[in-house]
């Protein structure tokens, strides 16, 4: 429940359009809805500006269905990450507006759209194989009300491709740079732009990539200022913090 919803509820009570008992029914699940296997944080959007996001990995179909069945009754957008097609099949009949993005592995219900910030977020990948992580970041940013510009496959192996899109990247308020292999893209961008860069290492690469560890260490050791780093394959985390920066 968002702050403006609570204000509207209290105003309806003040003007006699809503009884105290009716208001209590709407507020009874604040701050959370207790389930046998989960406690849904209804207060989170009021505290931090964004609703709780569902991490689907490890959850059973019945658990997800129960969670979605409840979340749909709320008045907020829904974002679920790391969802399989089978998990989407378990919930998609609950609301015809539920969307599944097979690349991002997200389930989304878009509503209560926020006023879009003037700036946009550039989501840049080194390679095509990095797109699933980048798409998770882009979808996250979009659900939270941002415009996301996707610039894919512009890594350092063919750096002329990056230069052909540099004006679009420079125009962003914040940049998400997604790269596997050696993870050099964020450092290159750090020397070319005057905007904050959120680097996302991916597990894309051969054996010595160590499942993304080598890209992570490259990004953490970047000599370019203005580069921060999230966890391996954590597109959601990058999209979330980019949304917060873009809203400032």
Protein backbone atom coordinates (compact mmCIF):
# COMPACT_ATOMS: atom_id res chain seq x y z
CA UNK A 1 0.00 0.00 0.00
CA UNK A 2 1.38 3.36 -1.05
CA UNK A 3 1.26 6.58 0.95
CA UNK A 4 -1.30 8.23 -1.33
CA UNK A 5 -3.62 5.21 -0.95
CA UNK A 6 -3.56 5.54 2.84
CA UNK A 7 -4.17 9.28 2.55
CA UNK A 8 -7.17 8.68 0.28
CA UNK A 9 -8.54 6.09 2.68
CA UNK A 10 -8.25 8.46 5.64
CA UNK A 11 -9.83 11.28 3.64
CA UNK A 12 -12.80 9.04 2.78
CA UNK A 13 -13.24 8.29 6.48
CA UNK A 14 -13.06 12.00 7.30
CA UNK A 15 -15.79 12.84 4.79
CA UNK A 16 -18.00 9.92 5.84
CA UNK A 17 -17.54 7.97 2.60
CA UNK A 18 -15.91 5.10 4.49
CA UNK A 19 -16.61 3.69 7.95
CA UNK A 20 -13.92 2.99 10.51
CA UNK A 21 -14.69 -0.73 10.23
CA UNK A 22 -14.22 -0.62 6.44
CA UNK A 23 -10.93 1.23 6.87
CA UNK A 24 -9.74 -1.37 9.37
CA UNK A 25 -10.49 -4.13 6.86
CA UNK A 26 -8.26 -2.42 4.30
CA UNK A 27 -5.48 -1.83 6.81
CA UNK A 28 -5.61 -5.17 8.62
CA UNK A 29 -2.78 -6.68 6.54
CA UNK A 30 -0.38 -3.82 7.30
CA UNK A 31 2.49 -4.19 7.77
CA UNK A 32 2.52 -7.75 6.40
CA UNK A 33 0.33 -10.66 5.38
CA UNK A 34 1.25 -13.81 7.28
CA UNK A 35 1.20 -17.11 5.39
CA UNK A 36 2.42 -20.52 6.52
CA UNK A 37 5.51 -20.24 4.28
CA UNK A 38 5.90 -16.48 3.70
CA UNK A 39 5.22 -13.06 5.19
CA UNK A 40 4.28 -10.64 2.40
CA UNK A 41 5.65 -7.18 3.22
CA UNK A 42 2.78 -4.83 2.39
CA UNK A 43 4.50 -1.93 4.14
CA UNK A 44 7.61 -1.95 1.94
CA UNK A 45 6.32 0.40 -0.75
CA UNK A 46 5.28 2.86 1.96
CA UNK A 47 8.76 2.68 3.53
CA UNK A 48 11.08 2.58 0.52
CA UNK A 49 8.95 3.53 -2.48
CA UNK A 50 8.88 0.13 -4.21
CA UNK A 51 6.72 -2.94 -3.47
CA UNK A 52 8.16 -6.28 -2.44
CA UNK A 53 9.44 -8.35 -5.37
CA UNK A 54 8.86 -12.11 -5.56
CA UNK A 55 11.96 -14.28 -6.08
CA UNK A 56 10.54 -17.40 -7.72
CA UNK A 57 13.53 -19.77 -7.58
CA UNK A 58 12.98 -22.49 -5.00
CA UNK A 59 9.26 -21.81 -4.59
CA UNK A 60 6.70 -24.48 -5.40
CA UNK A 61 3.85 -23.89 -7.82
CA UNK A 62 1.35 -23.95 -4.95
CA UNK A 63 3.37 -21.41 -2.95
CA UNK A 64 3.63 -19.05 -5.92
CA UNK A 65 -0.04 -19.38 -6.71
CA UNK A 66 -0.97 -18.50 -3.12
CA UNK A 67 1.38 -15.49 -3.15
CA UNK A 68 0.08 -14.20 -6.50
CA UNK A 69 -3.53 -14.81 -5.53
CA UNK A 70 -2.99 -12.43 -2.62
CA UNK A 71 -0.79 -9.85 -4.40
CA UNK A 72 -3.37 -9.43 -7.15
CA UNK A 73 -5.83 -8.16 -4.53
CA UNK A 74 -3.45 -5.32 -3.67
CA UNK A 75 -3.25 -2.14 -5.71
CA UNK A 76 0.42 -2.28 -6.72
CA UNK A 77 2.39 -3.56 -9.66
CA UNK A 78 3.80 -7.07 -9.30
CA UNK A 79 7.31 -8.13 -10.28
CA UNK A 80 8.53 -11.70 -9.91
CA UNK A 81 12.05 -12.69 -10.95
CA UNK A 82 13.79 -15.95 -11.92
CA UNK A 83 10.50 -17.50 -12.96
CA UNK A 84 10.30 -20.60 -15.14
CA UNK A 85 7.64 -21.17 -17.82
CA UNK A 86 6.16 -23.85 -15.54
CA UNK A 87 5.86 -21.36 -12.69
CA UNK A 88 4.15 -18.84 -14.96
CA UNK A 89 1.74 -21.57 -16.09
CA UNK A 90 0.82 -22.09 -12.43
CA UNK A 91 -0.34 -18.46 -11.99
CA UNK A 92 -1.23 -17.02 -15.39
CA UNK A 93 -4.94 -17.82 -15.10
CA UNK A 94 -5.24 -15.62 -11.99
CA UNK A 95 -5.17 -12.39 -14.02
CA UNK A 96 -5.18 -11.92 -17.81
CA UNK A 97 -2.78 -8.96 -17.47
CA UNK A 98 0.09 -11.07 -16.13
CA UNK A 99 3.05 -10.99 -18.55
CA UNK A 100 5.91 -13.48 -18.84
CA UNK A 101 9.26 -12.41 -20.33
CA UNK A 102 11.13 -15.59 -21.22
CA UNK A 103 14.47 -13.77 -21.69
CA UNK A 104 14.32 -11.90 -18.39
CA UNK A 105 12.54 -14.79 -16.63
CA UNK A 106 10.12 -12.29 -15.09
CA UNK A 107 6.40 -12.26 -14.38
CA UNK A 108 4.90 -8.78 -14.32
CA UNK A 109 1.55 -7.17 -13.59
CA UNK A 110 1.68 -3.48 -14.50
CA UNK A 111 -0.63 -1.08 -12.70
CA UNK A 112 -0.47 2.13 -10.66
CA UNK A 113 2.04 3.44 -13.16
CA UNK A 114 4.24 6.12 -11.63
CA UNK A 115 4.96 9.40 -13.42
CA UNK A 116 8.04 8.62 -15.50
CA UNK A 117 11.23 10.51 -14.59
CA UNK A 118 12.56 12.80 -17.31
CA UNK A 119 15.80 10.83 -17.59
CA UNK A 120 16.24 7.34 -18.96
CA UNK A 121 18.38 4.35 -18.06
CA UNK A 122 20.76 2.89 -20.66
CA UNK A 123 21.10 -0.89 -20.40
CA UNK A 124 24.24 -1.89 -22.28
CA UNK A 125 25.62 -5.38 -22.90
CA UNK A 126 29.00 -6.55 -24.06
CA UNK A 127 27.56 -9.54 -25.93
CA UNK A 128 24.32 -11.14 -27.03
CA UNK A 129 24.76 -13.87 -24.42
CA UNK A 130 24.53 -11.20 -21.70
CA UNK A 131 21.05 -10.12 -22.81
CA UNK A 132 19.01 -12.26 -20.36
CA UNK A 133 20.63 -10.54 -17.36
CA UNK A 134 20.31 -7.14 -19.05
CA UNK A 135 16.65 -7.80 -19.83
CA UNK A 136 15.99 -8.58 -16.15
CA UNK A 137 17.51 -5.19 -15.32
CA UNK A 138 15.49 -3.39 -18.00
CA UNK A 139 12.19 -5.00 -17.01
CA UNK A 140 12.82 -4.14 -13.36
CA UNK A 141 13.51 -0.51 -14.25
CA UNK A 142 10.40 -0.32 -16.44
CA UNK A 143 8.08 -1.83 -13.83
CA UNK A 144 9.29 0.86 -11.44
CA UNK A 145 8.29 3.55 -13.92
CA UNK A 146 11.45 4.23 -15.91
CA UNK A 147 12.27 4.39 -19.58
CA UNK A 148 14.98 1.84 -20.41
CA UNK A 149 17.03 2.10 -23.60
CA UNK A 150 18.56 -1.22 -24.62
CA UNK A 151 21.96 -1.18 -26.36
CA UNK A 152 23.10 -4.75 -26.97
CA UNK A 153 26.30 -6.44 -28.21
CA UNK A 154 28.71 -3.49 -28.10
CA UNK A 155 31.61 -5.10 -26.21
CA UNK A 156 35.31 -4.42 -26.44
CA UNK A 157 35.99 -7.12 -29.05
CA UNK A 158 34.49 -4.72 -31.59
CA UNK A 159 34.66 -1.37 -29.87
CA UNK A 160 33.55 0.55 -32.98
CA UNK A 161 30.08 -0.83 -32.26
CA UNK A 162 30.11 0.97 -28.90
CA UNK A 163 31.18 4.27 -30.44
CA UNK A 164 28.28 4.12 -32.90
CA UNK A 165 25.82 4.20 -29.94
CA UNK A 166 27.78 6.45 -27.57
CA UNK A 167 25.48 9.47 -27.88
CA UNK A 168 22.47 7.44 -26.71
CA UNK A 169 24.52 6.04 -23.83
CA UNK A 170 25.85 9.47 -22.82
CA UNK A 171 22.31 10.86 -22.79
CA UNK A 172 21.20 8.51 -20.03
CA UNK A 173 20.96 9.58 -16.41
CA UNK A 174 22.45 6.26 -15.27
CA UNK A 175 24.01 3.35 -17.15
CA UNK A 176 23.81 -0.37 -16.49
CA UNK A 177 26.76 -2.19 -18.10
CA UNK A 178 26.35 -5.96 -18.35
CA UNK A 179 29.33 -8.10 -19.33
CA UNK A 180 30.73 -11.60 -18.96
CA UNK A 181 34.03 -12.98 -20.28
CA UNK A 182 36.69 -10.53 -19.01
CA UNK A 183 34.12 -7.92 -17.95
CA UNK A 184 35.94 -4.93 -19.46
CA UNK A 185 32.93 -2.98 -20.78
CA UNK A 186 32.18 -0.94 -17.60
CA UNK A 187 35.79 0.31 -17.40
CA UNK A 188 35.70 1.44 -21.03
CA UNK A 189 32.41 3.25 -20.47
CA UNK A 190 33.78 4.79 -17.28
CA UNK A 191 36.36 6.65 -19.33
CA UNK A 192 33.80 7.91 -21.85
CA UNK A 193 30.76 9.13 -19.89
CA UNK A 194 29.96 11.47 -17.01
CA UNK A 195 27.10 9.37 -15.58
CA UNK A 196 27.11 6.72 -12.83
CA UNK A 197 27.68 3.19 -14.11
CA UNK A 198 26.27 0.08 -12.47
CA UNK A 199 28.36 -2.88 -13.58
CA UNK A 200 26.79 -6.33 -13.72
CA UNK A 201 29.14 -9.30 -14.16
CA UNK A 202 27.56 -12.32 -15.84
CA UNK A 203 28.43 -15.99 -15.69
CA UNK A 204 28.94 -16.00 -19.48
CA UNK A 205 32.39 -17.28 -20.45
CA UNK A 206 34.74 -20.23 -20.68
CA UNK A 207 36.32 -22.14 -17.80
CA UNK A 208 38.61 -19.45 -16.41
CA UNK A 209 35.61 -17.13 -16.17
CA UNK A 210 34.77 -19.19 -13.07
CA UNK A 211 31.02 -18.66 -13.45
CA UNK A 212 31.36 -14.87 -13.53
CA UNK A 213 33.98 -14.50 -10.81
CA UNK A 214 36.68 -13.22 -13.16
CA UNK A 215 34.30 -10.57 -14.59
CA UNK A 216 33.29 -9.59 -11.05
CA UNK A 217 36.92 -9.11 -9.98
CA UNK A 218 37.68 -7.12 -13.14
CA UNK A 219 34.81 -4.76 -12.39
CA UNK A 220 35.71 -4.41 -8.72
CA UNK A 221 39.28 -3.55 -9.77
CA UNK A 222 38.24 -1.06 -12.44
CA UNK A 223 40.58 1.92 -12.75
CA UNK A 224 37.67 4.04 -14.01
CA UNK A 225 35.95 6.18 -11.39
CA UNK A 226 32.17 6.18 -11.17
CA UNK A 227 31.71 2.41 -11.54
CA UNK A 228 29.84 0.44 -8.89
CA UNK A 229 29.26 -3.31 -9.01
CA UNK A 230 26.40 -5.66 -8.14
CA UNK A 231 26.49 -9.43 -7.77
CA UNK A 232 27.00 -11.92 -10.60
CA UNK A 233 23.93 -12.13 -12.89
CA UNK A 234 22.03 -9.72 -10.62
CA UNK A 235 20.10 -7.79 -13.25
CA UNK A 236 17.31 -7.15 -10.77
CA UNK A 237 19.65 -5.44 -8.30
CA UNK A 238 21.07 -3.24 -11.04
CA UNK A 239 17.63 -2.24 -12.32
CA UNK A 240 16.46 -1.42 -8.80
CA UNK A 241 19.34 0.89 -7.86
CA UNK A 242 19.30 2.49 -11.33
CA UNK A 243 15.61 3.27 -10.80
CA UNK A 244 16.40 4.95 -7.48
CA UNK A 245 19.16 7.03 -9.07
CA UNK A 246 16.96 8.02 -12.01
CA UNK A 247 14.24 9.21 -9.64
CA UNK A 248 16.53 11.62 -7.76
